[in-house]
Amino acid sequence: MADELVEFEESTIGIALNLESNNVGVVLMSD
């Protein structure tokens, strides 16, 4: 697990769970 905090446009925040070179998994957080 990567457990990296990522921020997208418009202040959308997520947690990266998988950071493989050909596959990325992110859980998006919301209000």
C-alpha atoms as a PDB file:
ATOM      1  CA  MET A   1       0.000   0.000   0.000  1.00  0.00           C
ATOM      2  CA  ALA A   2       1.197   3.475  -0.853  1.00  0.00           C
ATOM      3  CA  ASP A   3      -0.954   5.533   1.563  1.00  0.00           C
ATOM      4  CA  GLU A   4       0.053   8.774  -0.176  1.00  0.00           C
ATOM      5  CA  LEU A   5      -2.222  11.815   0.117  1.00  0.00           C
ATOM      6  CA  VAL A   6      -2.998  13.311  -3.307  1.00  0.00           C
ATOM      7  CA  GLU A   7      -4.800  16.540  -4.233  1.00  0.00           C
ATOM      8  CA  PHE A   8      -6.635  17.031  -7.533  1.00  0.00           C
ATOM      9  CA  GLU A   9      -8.166  20.134  -9.123  1.00  0.00           C
ATOM     10  CA  GLU A  10     -10.871  21.969  -7.176  1.00  0.00           C
ATOM     11  CA  SER A  11      -9.405  20.757  -3.828  1.00  0.00           C
ATOM     12  CA  THR A  12     -10.499  17.138  -4.292  1.00  0.00           C
ATOM     13  CA  ILE A  13      -8.378  14.990  -1.967  1.00  0.00           C
ATOM     14  CA  GLY A  14      -7.695  11.276  -2.139  1.00  0.00           C
ATOM     15  CA  ILE A  15      -5.491   8.515  -0.763  1.00  0.00           C
ATOM     16  CA  ALA A  16      -3.369   6.546  -3.221  1.00  0.00           C
ATOM     17  CA  LEU A  17      -3.573   2.827  -2.457  1.00  0.00           C
ATOM     18  CA  ASN A  18      -1.677   1.469  -5.459  1.00  0.00           C
ATOM     19  CA  LEU A  19       1.084   3.244  -7.409  1.00  0.00           C
ATOM     20  CA  GLU A  20       2.259   0.658  -9.946  1.00  0.00           C
ATOM     21  CA  SER A  21       3.646   1.878 -13.280  1.00  0.00           C
ATOM     22  CA  ASN A  22       0.615   0.586 -15.219  1.00  0.00           C
ATOM     23  CA  ASN A  23      -2.107   0.739 -12.542  1.00  0.00           C
ATOM     24  CA  VAL A  24      -3.039   3.457 -10.035  1.00  0.00           C
ATOM     25  CA  GLY A  25      -5.709   3.078  -7.341  1.00  0.00           C
ATOM     26  CA  VAL A  26      -7.020   6.107  -5.441  1.00  0.00           C
ATOM     27  CA  VAL A  27      -9.844   6.472  -2.910  1.00  0.00           C
ATOM     28  CA  LEU A  28     -11.482   9.896  -3.235  1.00  0.00           C
ATOM     29  CA  MET A  29     -12.546  11.700  -0.065  1.00  0.00           C
ATOM     30  CA  SER A  30     -15.532  14.067   0.006  1.00  0.00           C
ATOM     31  CA  ASP A  31     -17.380  16.323   2.420  1.00  0.00           C
END
